[in-house]
Amino acid sequence: MNWIPGSDYLAVELANRFSVPKDEITTFLPFIRVYTRGSVLIQEEELDKSLFLLRSGTLEVYKNAAGRQTGLGTVEAVNFVGEMSLINDERRSATIKALSDQVLVYCFVKPNLSLILSNPKWAELLISRFAKNLATSNNQVAEMRQKLEWQKEEVSALQAELDRHKSLSAQILRKTELVLNSILRFQATTRDRAVVGSKGWGYLMALSQLSLTLIKHYLPETRVPHGDVEKPVMQQCLAEVRKNNPTGFFDDFDV
């Protein structure tokens, strides 16, 4: 136990030390706890329904992030902490420690709302805390929605970019297949014009086999050989070859 129960003190002693009316101390003596600096009132992730009224002193709020405790701020007296336990069954969302040398709180392990709300000032404080928490939650929801919209836009942009790359890759693959099939067609046509068994014919046979082996090794996903060519393009290429080779060898060459 990291706190001292109020029953360990005289009511007058607590009243004088923490500047709290004696009659109030007497009324709430069973609920009083005194914490020293660094003592934990609420531990993050714990299942606890206790409600605390900070009557004197200062508390500090922490939250674990990436294995480290990050300070979220302080709570000054008089104020409620742990009030969200009254309306949800979730684990504690943060750790709260005593920051002052000594802190006086009323701890309601099983909160009696009627008793708490019978004090107008406390009722106002509790309602104010609920309203503040609601506003904070609404802001967080709005921020999360905005972030979600941004993430959707980013995902859409990434998907569009991915689709563009896929389309470009498909185009490149298609053109690669056409180029390779056209080269193989030219090789086969040239080989068929050579004398079978001659040195030139053997060279062209080896060149065709080498081309197929390289294609299979480096581009196994291509449809080569497939005979899929664009004859008008091949004819244009052949016209260029004829223009640059005036020997007449390709004059009757047909694709």
Foldseek 3Di string as FASTA:
>chain_A
DQWDQLVVDDLVVCCVVFVNDSVVCVVQRRQKIKHFFFDWPAAFQAFALKKKFFAGAKKWKWADDPNDTDTDGMDGPGAIPSLVSVPDRGTHGIIMGGHHRMTMMGIDRPDDVVVQVVDVVSVVRSVVVVVVVVVVVVVVVVVVVVVVVVVVVVVVVVVVVVVVVVVVVVVVLVVVQQVLLLVLVVLVLVLVPDDPPDPVNVVSVVVSVVSVVVCCVPPVPHPPPPNDYDQVVSVVVLVVVCVVDVPCPCVVRHD
